[in-house]
Structure formats: structure tokens, C-alpha cells
Amino acid sequence: MAKTCEEIYISRIENGIRGIKMGNKTPEEVNLQPVFNKLKPLNPHMCDDLNDKYIKVVTDFNNKPQKVQNKRR
């Protein structure tokens, strides 16, 4: 069964939050602001709840010391 736009936006936001939380992605790589803007007219309460989670995860990400990755050449 096909997903609605609302379901797609919510899953994209949840997956982005999960990626930041696990340390696989940075907030810049996830780029969720356009998705929040699309979700807001469809379901403002869910958008607000997800935005609160996103802000908390980004705050934790910014307060956590960053690991230096050695890239292979």
C-alpha cells in the first residue's frame, strides 16, 4: 500500500533524527528544515513534537565532543 506524503515526511524526519543520534550523520547532512516546512501544514502537532525531538538531538550532538576520523588515502 502506498504511503501518504505525511507518512513519508514523518519517516524521513525520524530517520534523520536517528542518524544524528547514532552519530552517522550531522545535522547539516540530514537537512530536515525543508521536510519540516512541508509537514507543518499537513500535521502541525506532529511537526511540533518532532521538532522538539530534533532540537534536543541537535543540542546533544553539539555538546558532545567530536571524534576525529582518519580517512584512508
C-alpha atoms as a PDB file:
ATOM      1  CA  MET A   1       0.000   0.000   0.000  1.00  0.00           C
ATOM      2  CA  ALA A   2       1.329   3.434  -0.872  1.00  0.00           C
ATOM      3  CA  LYS A   3       2.371   5.864   1.838  1.00  0.00           C
ATOM      4  CA  THR A   4       0.882   9.312   2.089  1.00  0.00           C
ATOM      5  CA  CYS A   5       3.069  12.408   1.886  1.00  0.00           C
ATOM      6  CA  GLU A   6       2.578  12.907   5.616  1.00  0.00           C
ATOM      7  CA  GLU A   7       3.895   9.402   6.391  1.00  0.00           C
ATOM      8  CA  ILE A   8       6.893   9.909   4.118  1.00  0.00           C
ATOM      9  CA  TYR A   9       7.785  13.237   5.754  1.00  0.00           C
ATOM     10  CA  ILE A  10       7.438  11.784   9.261  1.00  0.00           C
ATOM     11  CA  SER A  11       9.605   8.752   8.460  1.00  0.00           C
ATOM     12  CA  ARG A  12      12.246  10.969   6.822  1.00  0.00           C
ATOM     13  CA  ILE A  13      12.388  13.190   9.915  1.00  0.00           C
ATOM     14  CA  GLU A  14      12.510  10.204  12.293  1.00  0.00           C
ATOM     15  CA  ASN A  15      15.290   8.573  10.253  1.00  0.00           C
ATOM     16  CA  GLY A  16      17.248  11.828  10.194  1.00  0.00           C
ATOM     17  CA  ILE A  17      16.933  12.184  13.969  1.00  0.00           C
ATOM     18  CA  ARG A  18      18.050   8.571  14.389  1.00  0.00           C
ATOM     19  CA  GLY A  19      21.081   9.153  12.141  1.00  0.00           C
ATOM     20  CA  ILE A  20      22.163  12.171  14.174  1.00  0.00           C
ATOM     21  CA  LYS A  21      21.586  10.352  17.456  1.00  0.00           C
ATOM     22  CA  MET A  22      23.698   7.379  16.350  1.00  0.00           C
ATOM     23  CA  GLY A  23      26.466   9.688  15.113  1.00  0.00           C
ATOM     24  CA  ASN A  24      26.273   8.560  11.487  1.00  0.00           C
ATOM     25  CA  LYS A  25      25.138  11.940  10.174  1.00  0.00           C
ATOM     26  CA  THR A  26      25.483  15.589  11.067  1.00  0.00           C
ATOM     27  CA  PRO A  27      22.527  17.993  11.177  1.00  0.00           C
ATOM     28  CA  GLU A  28      23.863  19.630   8.003  1.00  0.00           C
ATOM     29  CA  GLU A  29      23.918  16.301   6.155  1.00  0.00           C
ATOM     30  CA  VAL A  30      20.373  15.446   7.204  1.00  0.00           C
ATOM     31  CA  ASN A  31      18.923  18.854   6.165  1.00  0.00           C
ATOM     32  CA  LEU A  32      15.457  18.397   7.684  1.00  0.00           C
ATOM     33  CA  GLN A  33      14.226  22.002   7.569  1.00  0.00           C
ATOM     34  CA  PRO A  34      12.536  21.666   4.126  1.00  0.00           C
ATOM     35  CA  VAL A  35      10.802  18.491   5.333  1.00  0.00           C
ATOM     36  CA  PHE A  36       9.543  20.255   8.470  1.00  0.00           C
ATOM     37  CA  ASN A  37       8.196  23.054   6.253  1.00  0.00           C
ATOM     38  CA  LYS A  38       6.274  20.515   4.153  1.00  0.00           C
ATOM     39  CA  LEU A  39       4.894  18.641   7.173  1.00  0.00           C
ATOM     40  CA  LYS A  40       3.744  21.751   9.072  1.00  0.00           C
ATOM     41  CA  PRO A  41       0.559  22.414   7.022  1.00  0.00           C
ATOM     42  CA  LEU A  42      -0.387  18.716   6.991  1.00  0.00           C
ATOM     43  CA  ASN A  43       0.026  17.923  10.686  1.00  0.00           C
ATOM     44  CA  PRO A  44       1.206  20.859  12.826  1.00  0.00           C
ATOM     45  CA  HIS A  45       1.081  18.997  16.154  1.00  0.00           C
ATOM     46  CA  MET A  46       3.224  16.104  14.931  1.00  0.00           C
ATOM     47  CA  CYS A  47       5.600  18.619  13.353  1.00  0.00           C
ATOM     48  CA  ASP A  48       5.979  20.413  16.679  1.00  0.00           C
ATOM     49  CA  ASP A  49       6.635  17.134  18.525  1.00  0.00           C
ATOM     50  CA  LEU A  50       9.257  16.032  16.007  1.00  0.00           C
ATOM     51  CA  ASN A  51      10.835  19.481  16.016  1.00  0.00           C
ATOM     52  CA  ASP A  52      11.227  19.276  19.805  1.00  0.00           C
ATOM     53  CA  LYS A  53      12.969  15.885  19.434  1.00  0.00           C
ATOM     54  CA  TYR A  54      15.163  17.275  16.648  1.00  0.00           C
ATOM     55  CA  ILE A  55      16.215  20.293  18.729  1.00  0.00           C
ATOM     56  CA  LYS A  56      17.116  18.023  21.663  1.00  0.00           C
ATOM     57  CA  VAL A  57      19.172  15.672  19.483  1.00  0.00           C
ATOM     58  CA  VAL A  58      20.997  18.557  17.748  1.00  0.00           C
ATOM     59  CA  THR A  59      21.749  20.176  21.128  1.00  0.00           C
ATOM     60  CA  ASP A  60      23.174  16.878  22.402  1.00  0.00           C
ATOM     61  CA  PHE A  61      25.158  16.498  19.161  1.00  0.00           C
ATOM     62  CA  ASN A  62      26.661  19.978  19.505  1.00  0.00           C
ATOM     63  CA  ASN A  63      27.583  19.424  23.170  1.00  0.00           C
ATOM     64  CA  LYS A  64      29.227  16.055  22.518  1.00  0.00           C
ATOM     65  CA  PRO A  65      32.958  16.166  21.716  1.00  0.00           C
ATOM     66  CA  GLN A  66      33.508  15.311  18.061  1.00  0.00           C
ATOM     67  CA  LYS A  67      35.696  12.378  17.080  1.00  0.00           C
ATOM     68  CA  VAL A  68      38.421  12.987  14.543  1.00  0.00           C
ATOM     69  CA  GLN A  69      38.108  10.499  11.719  1.00  0.00           C
ATOM     70  CA  ASN A  70      41.221   9.342   9.926  1.00  0.00           C
ATOM     71  CA  LYS A  71      40.388   8.923   6.257  1.00  0.00           C
ATOM     72  CA  ARG A  72      42.310   6.404   4.251  1.00  0.00           C
ATOM     73  CA  ARG A  73      44.053   7.615   1.154  1.00  0.00           C
END
